[in-house]
């Protein structure tokens, strides 16, 4: 399974990650959401370099021209709710893509004990298509695994790109065990070393959904 970590090379991603992590900046919800979108846009561009293309001939005002266009059917999938602005960044670049949405959330039984629940799924057929599944935070990897399995009820994609802003090393190692290595790629902003007792990434950035949309009850 190929793993790409953007923070390994200095770029604008490093600037946006700093702003999203920094407690003095991240409280600006508009900026936080925009940075999620920006990272989605950057990752979409980088993923586009790995896709298959075909040559088409078009007519310009002056002559004919040959152009290369994507030769894959793209489905953009996201996990509610923090994934929405991240997804929007991808959609700005893959503007003709189909879209899939999954609701996955933590249902706490005790303070540090929870189950991952899937309550909503809307997706086109995925058979033979390229699925880009995005979620800003990969803490344990369990939500991503269950969302992926839920989406498989809509067909088997030819390739899956998992995109996340911040992942824990535990989540990355877990996903490499449970997802098919031969047709899955990981695109990660940065990988942090640990998660705490509440299964939050450390140092991470906090709750991405709350930072994007406000604290939930």
N, C-alpha and C. Protein backbone atom coordinates (compact mmCIF):
# COMPACT_ATOMS: atom_id res chain seq x y z
N UNK A 1 0.85 -1.19 0.00
CA UNK A 1 0.00 0.00 0.00
C UNK A 1 0.89 1.24 0.00
N UNK A 2 0.73 2.08 -1.02
CA UNK A 2 1.56 3.28 -1.10
C UNK A 2 1.08 4.32 -0.10
N UNK A 3 2.04 4.94 0.59
CA UNK A 3 1.75 5.97 1.59
C UNK A 3 2.48 7.26 1.23
N UNK A 4 1.74 8.35 1.05
CA UNK A 4 2.33 9.65 0.76
C UNK A 4 2.03 10.58 1.94
N UNK A 5 3.08 11.15 2.55
CA UNK A 5 2.92 12.07 3.68
C UNK A 5 3.44 13.43 3.23
N UNK A 6 2.54 14.39 3.11
CA UNK A 6 2.90 15.70 2.56
C UNK A 6 3.87 16.47 3.45
N UNK A 7 3.79 16.28 4.77
CA UNK A 7 4.66 17.02 5.69
C UNK A 7 6.11 16.58 5.58
N UNK A 8 6.37 15.47 4.90
CA UNK A 8 7.75 15.03 4.72
C UNK A 8 8.54 15.96 3.80
N UNK A 9 7.80 16.77 3.01
CA UNK A 9 8.43 17.75 2.12
C UNK A 9 7.81 19.11 2.41
N UNK A 10 8.64 20.12 2.61
CA UNK A 10 8.12 21.45 2.89
C UNK A 10 7.34 22.00 1.71
N UNK A 11 6.15 22.51 2.00
CA UNK A 11 5.28 23.09 0.98
C UNK A 11 4.23 23.93 1.69
N UNK A 12 3.27 24.47 0.94
CA UNK A 12 2.17 25.21 1.56
C UNK A 12 1.37 24.35 2.54
N UNK A 13 1.41 23.03 2.35
CA UNK A 13 0.71 22.15 3.28
C UNK A 13 1.20 22.39 4.71
N UNK A 14 2.50 22.60 4.87
CA UNK A 14 3.07 22.84 6.20
C UNK A 14 2.47 24.09 6.84
N UNK A 15 2.29 25.14 6.05
CA UNK A 15 1.69 26.38 6.54
C UNK A 15 0.25 26.16 6.99
N UNK A 16 -0.53 25.47 6.15
CA UNK A 16 -1.94 25.25 6.48
C UNK A 16 -2.09 24.34 7.69
N UNK A 17 -1.23 23.32 7.80
CA UNK A 17 -1.26 22.45 8.97
C UNK A 17 -0.95 23.22 10.25
N UNK A 18 0.03 24.13 10.18
CA UNK A 18 0.36 24.94 11.35
C UNK A 18 -0.84 25.76 11.80
N UNK A 19 -1.54 26.39 10.85
CA UNK A 19 -2.70 27.21 11.19
C UNK A 19 -3.83 26.37 11.78
N UNK A 20 -4.01 25.15 11.28
CA UNK A 20 -5.07 24.30 11.79
C UNK A 20 -4.77 23.76 13.18
N UNK A 21 -3.50 23.58 13.50
CA UNK A 21 -3.11 23.06 14.81
C UNK A 21 -3.03 24.15 15.87
N UNK A 22 -2.67 25.35 15.48
CA UNK A 22 -2.36 26.45 16.40
C UNK A 22 -3.62 26.94 17.12
N UNK A 23 -3.63 26.84 18.45
CA UNK A 23 -4.82 27.24 19.23
C UNK A 23 -5.14 28.72 19.07
N UNK A 24 -4.16 29.54 18.69
CA UNK A 24 -4.39 30.96 18.51
C UNK A 24 -5.00 31.30 17.15
N UNK A 25 -5.04 30.32 16.25
CA UNK A 25 -5.56 30.56 14.90
C UNK A 25 -6.78 29.69 14.60
N UNK A 26 -6.78 28.46 15.11
CA UNK A 26 -7.80 27.48 14.71
C UNK A 26 -9.21 27.83 15.16
N UNK A 27 -9.33 28.75 16.14
CA UNK A 27 -10.66 29.14 16.61
C UNK A 27 -11.43 29.97 15.59
N UNK A 28 -10.74 30.46 14.55
CA UNK A 28 -11.39 31.15 13.44
C UNK A 28 -12.00 30.07 12.54
N UNK A 29 -13.30 29.81 12.69
CA UNK A 29 -13.94 28.70 11.98
C UNK A 29 -13.87 28.85 10.47
N UNK A 30 -14.03 30.07 10.00
CA UNK A 30 -13.97 30.29 8.56
C UNK A 30 -12.59 29.89 8.02
N UNK A 31 -11.54 30.31 8.71
CA UNK A 31 -10.19 29.98 8.26
C UNK A 31 -9.93 28.48 8.39
N UNK A 32 -10.43 27.88 9.47
CA UNK A 32 -10.24 26.44 9.65
C UNK A 32 -10.88 25.66 8.50
N UNK A 33 -12.13 26.01 8.17
CA UNK A 33 -12.81 25.32 7.07
C UNK A 33 -12.08 25.55 5.74
N UNK A 34 -11.62 26.79 5.53
CA UNK A 34 -10.91 27.10 4.28
C UNK A 34 -9.61 26.32 4.18
N UNK A 35 -8.91 26.14 5.31
CA UNK A 35 -7.69 25.35 5.27
C UNK A 35 -7.97 23.88 4.97
N UNK A 36 -9.09 23.36 5.48
CA UNK A 36 -9.49 22.01 5.10
C UNK A 36 -9.73 21.93 3.59
N UNK A 37 -10.40 22.93 3.05
CA UNK A 37 -10.65 22.96 1.61
C UNK A 37 -9.33 23.02 0.84
N UNK A 38 -8.42 23.88 1.29
CA UNK A 38 -7.13 24.03 0.61
C UNK A 38 -6.37 22.71 0.56
N UNK A 39 -6.36 21.99 1.67
CA UNK A 39 -5.66 20.71 1.69
C UNK A 39 -6.34 19.70 0.78
N UNK A 40 -7.68 19.76 0.70
CA UNK A 40 -8.39 18.91 -0.25
C UNK A 40 -8.00 19.23 -1.69
N UNK A 41 -7.86 20.51 -1.98
CA UNK A 41 -7.48 20.93 -3.34
C UNK A 41 -6.07 20.44 -3.69
N UNK A 42 -5.14 20.61 -2.75
CA UNK A 42 -3.76 20.18 -2.99
C UNK A 42 -3.69 18.67 -3.19
N UNK A 43 -4.37 17.93 -2.33
CA UNK A 43 -4.34 16.47 -2.44
C UNK A 43 -5.01 16.00 -3.73
N UNK A 44 -6.09 16.67 -4.12
CA UNK A 44 -6.75 16.32 -5.37
C UNK A 44 -5.79 16.47 -6.55
N UNK A 45 -5.05 17.56 -6.56
CA UNK A 45 -4.08 17.80 -7.64
C UNK A 45 -3.01 16.71 -7.66
N UNK A 46 -2.50 16.35 -6.47
CA UNK A 46 -1.45 15.33 -6.42
C UNK A 46 -1.99 13.95 -6.82
N UNK A 47 -3.20 13.63 -6.38
CA UNK A 47 -3.81 12.35 -6.78
C UNK A 47 -4.03 12.31 -8.28
N UNK A 48 -4.37 13.46 -8.87
CA UNK A 48 -4.65 13.49 -10.31
C UNK A 48 -3.43 13.07 -11.14
N UNK A 49 -2.24 13.24 -10.59
CA UNK A 49 -1.03 12.86 -11.31
C UNK A 49 -0.89 11.34 -11.45
N UNK A 50 -1.60 10.59 -10.59
CA UNK A 50 -1.46 9.13 -10.58
C UNK A 50 -2.54 8.43 -11.41
N UNK A 51 -3.49 9.18 -11.95
CA UNK A 51 -4.62 8.59 -12.66
C UNK A 51 -4.28 8.28 -14.11
N UNK A 52 -5.15 7.50 -14.74
CA UNK A 52 -4.99 7.19 -16.16
C UNK A 52 -5.60 8.31 -17.00
N UNK A 53 -4.97 8.58 -18.14
CA UNK A 53 -5.43 9.64 -19.04
C UNK A 53 -5.58 9.09 -20.45
N UNK A 54 -6.41 9.77 -21.22
CA UNK A 54 -6.55 9.47 -22.64
C UNK A 54 -6.44 10.77 -23.42
N UNK A 55 -6.10 10.66 -24.70
CA UNK A 55 -5.96 11.84 -25.55
C UNK A 55 -7.22 12.07 -26.35
N UNK A 56 -7.72 13.29 -26.32
CA UNK A 56 -8.90 13.65 -27.12
C UNK A 56 -8.52 14.83 -28.02
N UNK A 57 -9.25 14.93 -29.11
CA UNK A 57 -9.02 16.06 -30.02
C UNK A 57 -10.19 17.03 -29.90
N UNK A 58 -9.87 18.30 -29.72
CA UNK A 58 -10.89 19.33 -29.58
C UNK A 58 -10.68 20.40 -30.64
N UNK A 59 -11.67 21.26 -30.77
CA UNK A 59 -11.58 22.36 -31.72
C UNK A 59 -11.41 23.67 -30.97
N UNK A 60 -10.35 24.40 -31.28
CA UNK A 60 -10.15 25.75 -30.74
C UNK A 60 -10.67 26.75 -31.77
N UNK A 61 -10.71 28.04 -31.45
CA UNK A 61 -11.12 29.03 -32.45
C UNK A 61 -10.24 29.07 -33.69
N UNK A 62 -9.00 28.48 -33.58
CA UNK A 62 -8.06 28.58 -34.69
C UNK A 62 -7.73 27.25 -35.37
N UNK A 63 -7.85 26.14 -34.63
CA UNK A 63 -7.43 24.87 -35.22
C UNK A 63 -7.88 23.72 -34.32
N UNK A 64 -7.36 22.54 -34.60
CA UNK A 64 -7.57 21.37 -33.75
C UNK A 64 -6.44 21.28 -32.73
N UNK A 65 -6.73 20.70 -31.57
CA UNK A 65 -5.71 20.51 -30.55
C UNK A 65 -5.95 19.19 -29.84
N UNK A 66 -4.87 18.51 -29.50
CA UNK A 66 -4.96 17.27 -28.76
C UNK A 66 -4.71 17.56 -27.28
N UNK A 67 -5.58 17.02 -26.44
CA UNK A 67 -5.49 17.27 -25.00
C UNK A 67 -5.62 15.94 -24.25
N UNK A 68 -4.96 15.84 -23.13
CA UNK A 68 -5.08 14.67 -22.26
C UNK A 68 -6.11 14.93 -21.17
N UNK A 69 -7.03 13.98 -21.00
CA UNK A 69 -8.08 14.10 -19.99
C UNK A 69 -8.13 12.82 -19.17
N UNK A 70 -8.64 12.91 -17.95
CA UNK A 70 -8.73 11.76 -17.07
C UNK A 70 -9.61 10.68 -17.69
N UNK A 71 -9.11 9.45 -17.64
CA UNK A 71 -9.84 8.32 -18.20
C UNK A 71 -10.24 7.35 -17.09
N UNK A 72 -10.74 7.88 -16.01
CA UNK A 72 -11.25 7.09 -14.90
C UNK A 72 -12.53 7.74 -14.40
N UNK A 73 -13.45 6.93 -13.91
CA UNK A 73 -14.67 7.44 -13.29
C UNK A 73 -14.39 7.67 -11.81
N UNK A 74 -14.49 8.92 -11.38
CA UNK A 74 -14.13 9.30 -10.01
C UNK A 74 -15.37 9.41 -9.14
N UNK A 75 -15.29 8.83 -7.95
CA UNK A 75 -16.31 9.02 -6.92
C UNK A 75 -15.61 9.61 -5.69
N UNK A 76 -16.08 10.75 -5.25
CA UNK A 76 -15.56 11.39 -4.04
C UNK A 76 -16.43 11.00 -2.85
N UNK A 77 -15.84 10.34 -1.88
CA UNK A 77 -16.58 9.94 -0.70
C UNK A 77 -16.11 10.69 0.53
N UNK A 78 -17.02 11.02 1.42
CA UNK A 78 -16.62 11.71 2.64
C UNK A 78 -17.40 11.17 3.83
N UNK A 79 -16.79 11.37 5.02
CA UNK A 79 -17.41 10.95 6.27
C UNK A 79 -17.86 12.21 7.01
N UNK A 80 -19.16 12.29 7.30
CA UNK A 80 -19.70 13.45 8.03
C UNK A 80 -19.07 13.52 9.42
N UNK A 81 -18.93 14.74 10.05
CA UNK A 81 -19.29 16.02 9.50
C UNK A 81 -18.06 16.84 9.13
N UNK A 82 -16.94 16.54 9.81
CA UNK A 82 -15.71 17.30 9.54
C UNK A 82 -15.22 17.11 8.12
N UNK A 83 -15.64 16.02 7.47
CA UNK A 83 -15.18 15.75 6.13
C UNK A 83 -15.78 16.65 5.06
N UNK A 84 -16.82 17.40 5.39
CA UNK A 84 -17.53 18.17 4.36
C UNK A 84 -16.66 19.24 3.70
N UNK A 85 -15.99 20.13 4.45
CA UNK A 85 -15.14 21.12 3.77
C UNK A 85 -13.93 20.49 3.09
N UNK A 86 -13.38 19.45 3.66
CA UNK A 86 -12.28 18.71 3.04
C UNK A 86 -12.74 18.16 1.69
N UNK A 87 -13.92 17.56 1.68
CA UNK A 87 -14.54 17.03 0.46
C UNK A 87 -14.73 18.14 -0.57
N UNK A 88 -15.15 19.31 -0.12
CA UNK A 88 -15.40 20.42 -1.05
C UNK A 88 -14.12 20.81 -1.79
N UNK A 89 -12.99 20.73 -1.10
CA UNK A 89 -11.72 21.02 -1.77
C UNK A 89 -11.47 20.05 -2.92
N UNK A 90 -11.72 18.77 -2.69
CA UNK A 90 -11.57 17.78 -3.75
C UNK A 90 -12.54 18.04 -4.89
N UNK A 91 -13.77 18.41 -4.53
CA UNK A 91 -14.81 18.62 -5.54
C UNK A 91 -14.51 19.81 -6.43
N UNK A 92 -13.82 20.80 -5.92
CA UNK A 92 -13.44 21.94 -6.74
C UNK A 92 -12.51 21.53 -7.89
N UNK A 93 -11.72 20.49 -7.67
CA UNK A 93 -10.80 20.03 -8.71
C UNK A 93 -11.40 18.90 -9.53
N UNK A 94 -12.01 17.93 -8.88
CA UNK A 94 -12.70 16.85 -9.60
C UNK A 94 -14.17 17.24 -9.72
N UNK A 95 -14.44 18.31 -10.47
CA UNK A 95 -15.77 18.92 -10.46
C UNK A 95 -16.82 18.08 -11.17
N UNK A 96 -16.42 17.10 -11.95
CA UNK A 96 -17.39 16.23 -12.62
C UNK A 96 -17.57 14.90 -11.92
N UNK A 97 -16.97 14.75 -10.75
CA UNK A 97 -17.03 13.48 -10.04
C UNK A 97 -18.42 13.20 -9.48
N UNK A 98 -18.72 11.90 -9.34
CA UNK A 98 -19.87 11.50 -8.54
C UNK A 98 -19.48 11.60 -7.06
N UNK A 99 -20.48 11.55 -6.18
CA UNK A 99 -20.20 11.77 -4.77
C UNK A 99 -20.90 10.73 -3.89
N UNK A 100 -20.23 10.40 -2.80
CA UNK A 100 -20.78 9.46 -1.83
C UNK A 100 -20.62 10.04 -0.43
N UNK A 101 -21.58 9.75 0.45
CA UNK A 101 -21.55 10.31 1.80
C UNK A 101 -21.88 9.22 2.82
N UNK A 102 -21.11 9.22 3.91
CA UNK A 102 -21.30 8.24 4.98
C UNK A 102 -21.35 8.98 6.30
N UNK A 103 -22.29 8.59 7.15
CA UNK A 103 -22.34 9.12 8.52
C UNK A 103 -21.73 8.08 9.45
N UNK A 104 -20.58 8.40 10.03
CA UNK A 104 -19.93 7.51 11.00
C UNK A 104 -19.60 8.34 12.24
N UNK A 105 -20.00 7.87 13.39
CA UNK A 105 -19.75 8.64 14.60
C UNK A 105 -19.47 7.72 15.78
N UNK A 106 -18.87 8.30 16.80
CA UNK A 106 -18.57 7.56 18.02
C UNK A 106 -19.79 7.56 18.95
N UNK A 107 -20.24 6.40 19.34
CA UNK A 107 -21.32 6.28 20.32
C UNK A 107 -20.70 5.77 21.62
N UNK A 108 -20.60 6.70 22.59
CA UNK A 108 -19.89 6.37 23.82
C UNK A 108 -20.76 5.53 24.76
N UNK A 109 -20.17 4.45 25.28
CA UNK A 109 -20.80 3.63 26.30
C UNK A 109 -20.31 4.04 27.68
N UNK A 110 -19.05 4.41 27.74
CA UNK A 110 -18.43 4.96 28.93
C UNK A 110 -17.52 6.09 28.47
N UNK A 111 -16.84 6.72 29.43
CA UNK A 111 -16.04 7.91 29.11
C UNK A 111 -15.01 7.64 28.03
N UNK A 112 -14.35 6.49 28.07
CA UNK A 112 -13.29 6.18 27.12
C UNK A 112 -13.61 4.94 26.30
N UNK A 113 -14.88 4.55 26.28
CA UNK A 113 -15.27 3.33 25.59
C UNK A 113 -16.41 3.64 24.62
N UNK A 114 -16.19 3.40 23.34
CA UNK A 114 -17.20 3.75 22.36
C UNK A 114 -17.23 2.75 21.21
N UNK A 115 -18.36 2.75 20.52
CA UNK A 115 -18.49 2.00 19.28
C UNK A 115 -18.60 2.99 18.13
N UNK A 116 -18.19 2.56 16.94
CA UNK A 116 -18.38 3.36 15.74
C UNK A 116 -19.70 2.95 15.09
N UNK A 117 -20.58 3.92 14.87
CA UNK A 117 -21.89 3.63 14.30
C UNK A 117 -22.02 4.25 12.91
N UNK A 118 -22.55 3.49 11.98
CA UNK A 118 -22.87 3.97 10.64
C UNK A 118 -24.38 4.11 10.54
N UNK A 119 -24.87 5.31 10.28
CA UNK A 119 -26.32 5.52 10.25
C UNK A 119 -26.84 5.98 8.89
N UNK A 120 -25.96 6.42 7.99
CA UNK A 120 -26.43 6.98 6.73
C UNK A 120 -25.41 6.68 5.65
N UNK A 121 -25.91 6.28 4.48
CA UNK A 121 -25.04 6.02 3.34
C UNK A 121 -25.77 6.40 2.07
N UNK A 122 -25.14 7.25 1.26
CA UNK A 122 -25.67 7.62 -0.05
C UNK A 122 -24.52 7.55 -1.04
N UNK A 123 -24.64 6.67 -2.03
CA UNK A 123 -23.51 6.47 -2.94
C UNK A 123 -24.00 5.96 -4.28
N UNK A 124 -23.32 6.35 -5.37
CA UNK A 124 -23.58 5.72 -6.65
C UNK A 124 -22.93 4.34 -6.68
N UNK A 125 -23.10 3.62 -7.75
CA UNK A 125 -22.38 2.36 -7.93
C UNK A 125 -20.88 2.65 -7.96
N UNK A 126 -20.11 1.78 -7.31
CA UNK A 126 -18.67 1.95 -7.27
C UNK A 126 -17.93 0.95 -8.14
N UNK A 127 -18.64 0.07 -8.80
CA UNK A 127 -18.00 -0.99 -9.58
C UNK A 127 -17.05 -0.42 -10.63
N UNK A 128 -15.78 -0.79 -10.52
CA UNK A 128 -14.78 -0.42 -11.50
C UNK A 128 -14.36 1.04 -11.48
N UNK A 129 -14.82 1.79 -10.49
CA UNK A 129 -14.53 3.23 -10.44
C UNK A 129 -13.37 3.51 -9.47
N UNK A 130 -12.92 4.75 -9.48
CA UNK A 130 -11.87 5.19 -8.56
C UNK A 130 -12.52 5.94 -7.41
N UNK A 131 -12.38 5.41 -6.19
CA UNK A 131 -12.98 6.02 -5.00
C UNK A 131 -11.91 6.81 -4.26
N UNK A 132 -12.19 8.10 -4.03
CA UNK A 132 -11.36 8.93 -3.17
C UNK A 132 -12.15 9.17 -1.90
N UNK A 133 -11.73 8.54 -0.81
CA UNK A 133 -12.47 8.59 0.45
C UNK A 133 -11.72 9.47 1.43
N UNK A 134 -12.34 10.59 1.83
CA UNK A 134 -11.62 11.57 2.65
C UNK A 134 -12.27 11.77 4.01
N UNK A 135 -11.41 11.89 5.02
CA UNK A 135 -11.80 12.19 6.39
C UNK A 135 -10.62 12.91 7.02
N UNK A 136 -10.81 14.10 7.59
CA UNK A 136 -9.67 14.88 8.07
C UNK A 136 -8.80 14.18 9.11
N UNK A 137 -9.43 13.38 9.99
CA UNK A 137 -8.67 12.79 11.10
C UNK A 137 -8.78 11.26 11.07
N UNK A 138 -7.63 10.60 11.14
CA UNK A 138 -7.58 9.14 11.27
C UNK A 138 -6.93 8.83 12.61
N UNK A 139 -7.76 8.62 13.63
CA UNK A 139 -7.24 8.39 14.98
C UNK A 139 -6.93 6.92 15.20
N UNK A 140 -7.96 6.07 15.11
CA UNK A 140 -7.75 4.63 15.25
C UNK A 140 -7.84 3.90 13.92
N UNK A 141 -8.51 4.52 12.95
CA UNK A 141 -8.73 3.88 11.66
C UNK A 141 -10.04 3.13 11.59
N UNK A 142 -10.73 2.99 12.72
CA UNK A 142 -11.96 2.19 12.77
C UNK A 142 -13.08 2.82 11.95
N UNK A 143 -13.26 4.14 12.05
CA UNK A 143 -14.31 4.81 11.29
C UNK A 143 -14.07 4.66 9.79
N UNK A 144 -12.82 4.79 9.37
CA UNK A 144 -12.50 4.65 7.96
C UNK A 144 -12.75 3.23 7.48
N UNK A 145 -12.37 2.26 8.28
CA UNK A 145 -12.59 0.86 7.91
C UNK A 145 -14.08 0.57 7.73
N UNK A 146 -14.90 0.97 8.70
CA UNK A 146 -16.34 0.69 8.64
C UNK A 146 -17.00 1.46 7.50
N UNK A 147 -16.56 2.69 7.26
CA UNK A 147 -17.10 3.47 6.14
C UNK A 147 -16.76 2.83 4.81
N UNK A 148 -15.54 2.37 4.69
CA UNK A 148 -15.10 1.67 3.47
C UNK A 148 -15.95 0.41 3.24
N UNK A 149 -16.16 -0.37 4.30
CA UNK A 149 -16.95 -1.60 4.16
C UNK A 149 -18.40 -1.28 3.82
N UNK A 150 -18.94 -0.19 4.39
CA UNK A 150 -20.30 0.22 4.05
C UNK A 150 -20.41 0.59 2.57
N UNK A 151 -19.40 1.30 2.07
CA UNK A 151 -19.41 1.70 0.65
C UNK A 151 -19.27 0.51 -0.28
N UNK A 152 -18.62 -0.56 0.17
CA UNK A 152 -18.48 -1.74 -0.67
C UNK A 152 -19.81 -2.41 -0.98
N UNK A 153 -20.86 -2.07 -0.21
CA UNK A 153 -22.19 -2.59 -0.54
C UNK A 153 -22.70 -1.97 -1.83
N UNK A 154 -22.05 -0.92 -2.31
CA UNK A 154 -22.44 -0.26 -3.57
C UNK A 154 -21.54 -0.68 -4.73
N UNK A 155 -20.68 -1.66 -4.50
CA UNK A 155 -19.83 -2.15 -5.59
C UNK A 155 -18.37 -2.15 -5.20
N UNK A 156 -17.55 -2.73 -6.07
CA UNK A 156 -16.12 -2.86 -5.81
C UNK A 156 -15.33 -1.88 -6.66
N UNK A 157 -14.69 -0.88 -6.06
CA UNK A 157 -13.91 0.08 -6.84
C UNK A 157 -12.64 -0.54 -7.39
N UNK A 158 -12.16 0.02 -8.50
CA UNK A 158 -10.90 -0.45 -9.08
C UNK A 158 -9.72 0.00 -8.23
N UNK A 159 -9.82 1.19 -7.66
CA UNK A 159 -8.75 1.70 -6.79
C UNK A 159 -9.37 2.63 -5.76
N UNK A 160 -8.76 2.64 -4.57
CA UNK A 160 -9.24 3.48 -3.47
C UNK A 160 -8.10 4.37 -3.00
N UNK A 161 -8.36 5.67 -2.94
CA UNK A 161 -7.42 6.63 -2.37
C UNK A 161 -8.00 7.11 -1.05
N UNK A 162 -7.30 6.85 0.05
CA UNK A 162 -7.71 7.32 1.37
C UNK A 162 -6.95 8.62 1.65
N UNK A 163 -7.68 9.70 1.91
CA UNK A 163 -7.05 11.01 2.14
C UNK A 163 -7.41 11.52 3.52
N UNK A 164 -6.39 12.00 4.25
CA UNK A 164 -6.62 12.53 5.59
C UNK A 164 -5.62 13.64 5.88
N UNK A 165 -6.03 14.58 6.71
CA UNK A 165 -5.17 15.70 7.08
C UNK A 165 -4.15 15.27 8.13
N UNK A 166 -4.65 14.65 9.21
CA UNK A 166 -3.78 14.18 10.28
C UNK A 166 -4.16 12.74 10.63
N UNK A 167 -3.16 11.88 10.68
CA UNK A 167 -3.38 10.48 11.05
C UNK A 167 -2.42 10.11 12.16
N UNK A 168 -2.83 9.15 12.98
CA UNK A 168 -1.91 8.58 13.95
C UNK A 168 -1.17 7.42 13.28
N UNK A 169 0.01 7.14 13.77
CA UNK A 169 0.74 5.98 13.22
C UNK A 169 -0.03 4.71 13.47
N UNK A 170 -0.74 4.63 14.60
CA UNK A 170 -1.56 3.45 14.89
C UNK A 170 -2.62 3.24 13.82
N UNK A 171 -3.30 4.33 13.42
CA UNK A 171 -4.35 4.22 12.41
C UNK A 171 -3.78 3.80 11.06
N UNK A 172 -2.64 4.36 10.69
CA UNK A 172 -2.00 4.00 9.41
C UNK A 172 -1.64 2.52 9.40
N UNK A 173 -1.03 2.05 10.47
CA UNK A 173 -0.65 0.64 10.54
C UNK A 173 -1.88 -0.26 10.51
N UNK A 174 -2.95 0.18 11.18
CA UNK A 174 -4.19 -0.62 11.21
C UNK A 174 -4.81 -0.72 9.82
N UNK A 175 -4.89 0.42 9.12
CA UNK A 175 -5.50 0.41 7.79
C UNK A 175 -4.69 -0.44 6.82
N UNK A 176 -3.39 -0.47 6.99
CA UNK A 176 -2.56 -1.30 6.11
C UNK A 176 -2.83 -2.79 6.33
N UNK A 177 -3.37 -3.13 7.50
CA UNK A 177 -3.70 -4.53 7.79
C UNK A 177 -5.08 -4.92 7.26
N UNK A 178 -6.03 -3.96 7.31
CA UNK A 178 -7.43 -4.33 7.03
C UNK A 178 -7.90 -3.94 5.63
N UNK A 179 -7.17 -3.09 4.92
CA UNK A 179 -7.57 -2.70 3.57
C UNK A 179 -6.69 -3.40 2.55
N UNK A 180 -7.23 -3.68 1.36
CA UNK A 180 -6.44 -4.38 0.34
C UNK A 180 -5.26 -3.53 -0.15
N UNK A 181 -4.06 -4.04 0.04
CA UNK A 181 -2.86 -3.26 -0.26
C UNK A 181 -2.67 -3.03 -1.75
N UNK A 182 -3.15 -3.96 -2.58
CA UNK A 182 -2.84 -3.88 -4.00
C UNK A 182 -3.58 -2.76 -4.72
N UNK A 183 -4.68 -2.28 -4.19
CA UNK A 183 -5.42 -1.22 -4.89
C UNK A 183 -5.84 -0.08 -3.95
N UNK A 184 -5.04 0.18 -2.92
CA UNK A 184 -5.32 1.26 -1.98
C UNK A 184 -4.09 2.15 -1.82
N UNK A 185 -4.31 3.46 -1.82
CA UNK A 185 -3.24 4.42 -1.60
C UNK A 185 -3.63 5.35 -0.45
N UNK A 186 -2.66 5.71 0.39
CA UNK A 186 -2.88 6.62 1.51
C UNK A 186 -2.25 7.97 1.20
N UNK A 187 -3.02 9.05 1.39
CA UNK A 187 -2.54 10.41 1.20
C UNK A 187 -2.76 11.16 2.51
N UNK A 188 -1.68 11.52 3.19
CA UNK A 188 -1.76 12.05 4.54
C UNK A 188 -1.02 13.37 4.65
N UNK A 189 -1.66 14.34 5.33
CA UNK A 189 -0.98 15.61 5.56
C UNK A 189 0.21 15.42 6.47
N UNK A 190 -0.02 14.77 7.61
CA UNK A 190 1.04 14.51 8.57
C UNK A 190 0.63 13.29 9.40
N UNK A 191 1.62 12.58 9.90
CA UNK A 191 1.37 11.42 10.76
C UNK A 191 1.95 11.72 12.15
N UNK A 192 1.07 11.69 13.17
CA UNK A 192 1.50 11.88 14.55
C UNK A 192 1.72 10.53 15.21
N UNK A 193 2.54 10.52 16.27
CA UNK A 193 3.02 9.26 16.83
C UNK A 193 2.02 8.53 17.70
N UNK A 194 1.05 9.24 18.31
CA UNK A 194 0.25 8.54 19.31
C UNK A 194 -1.17 9.08 19.39
N UNK A 195 -2.01 8.32 20.11
CA UNK A 195 -3.35 8.76 20.48
C UNK A 195 -3.47 8.63 21.99
N UNK A 196 -4.36 9.46 22.58
CA UNK A 196 -4.50 9.42 24.05
C UNK A 196 -5.60 8.44 24.46
N UNK A 197 -5.94 8.44 25.74
CA UNK A 197 -6.92 7.49 26.27
C UNK A 197 -8.31 7.70 25.69
N UNK A 198 -8.58 8.90 25.17
CA UNK A 198 -9.88 9.19 24.55
C UNK A 198 -9.85 8.94 23.04
N UNK A 199 -8.77 8.37 22.56
CA UNK A 199 -8.58 8.09 21.13
C UNK A 199 -8.54 9.35 20.29
N UNK A 200 -7.96 10.41 20.85
CA UNK A 200 -7.67 11.61 20.08
C UNK A 200 -6.20 11.62 19.71
N UNK A 201 -5.91 12.10 18.50
CA UNK A 201 -4.53 12.15 18.02
C UNK A 201 -3.75 13.20 18.81
N UNK A 202 -2.53 12.85 19.21
CA UNK A 202 -1.64 13.75 19.95
C UNK A 202 -0.34 13.92 19.15
N UNK A 203 0.09 15.16 18.86
CA UNK A 203 -0.51 16.44 19.26
C UNK A 203 -1.78 16.80 18.50
N UNK A 204 -1.99 16.28 17.31
CA UNK A 204 -3.25 16.48 16.60
C UNK A 204 -3.65 17.93 16.46
N UNK A 205 -4.98 18.17 16.57
CA UNK A 205 -5.49 19.55 16.53
C UNK A 205 -6.78 19.71 17.32
N UNK A 206 -7.25 18.63 17.95
CA UNK A 206 -8.53 18.69 18.65
C UNK A 206 -9.62 18.02 17.83
N UNK A 207 -10.85 18.47 18.02
CA UNK A 207 -12.00 17.91 17.29
C UNK A 207 -12.24 18.73 16.03
N UNK A 208 -11.94 18.15 14.87
CA UNK A 208 -12.05 18.89 13.61
C UNK A 208 -13.48 19.31 13.32
N UNK A 209 -14.45 18.47 13.67
CA UNK A 209 -15.85 18.82 13.44
C UNK A 209 -16.28 20.02 14.25
N UNK A 210 -15.89 20.04 15.53
CA UNK A 210 -16.22 21.18 16.39
C UNK A 210 -15.54 22.45 15.91
N UNK A 211 -14.28 22.34 15.48
CA UNK A 211 -13.55 23.51 15.01
C UNK A 211 -14.14 24.07 13.73
N UNK A 212 -14.69 23.19 12.89
CA UNK A 212 -15.27 23.63 11.63
C UNK A 212 -16.68 24.19 11.81
N UNK A 213 -17.47 23.60 12.72
CA UNK A 213 -18.90 23.91 12.76
C UNK A 213 -19.45 24.28 14.14
N UNK A 214 -18.63 24.23 15.16
CA UNK A 214 -19.10 24.56 16.51
C UNK A 214 -19.27 23.31 17.35
N UNK A 215 -19.27 23.52 18.66
CA UNK A 215 -19.34 22.39 19.60
C UNK A 215 -20.71 21.74 19.55
N UNK A 216 -20.72 20.42 19.54
CA UNK A 216 -21.99 19.66 19.51
C UNK A 216 -22.36 19.24 20.93
N UNK A 217 -23.64 19.03 21.14
CA UNK A 217 -24.13 18.56 22.45
C UNK A 217 -23.90 17.06 22.56
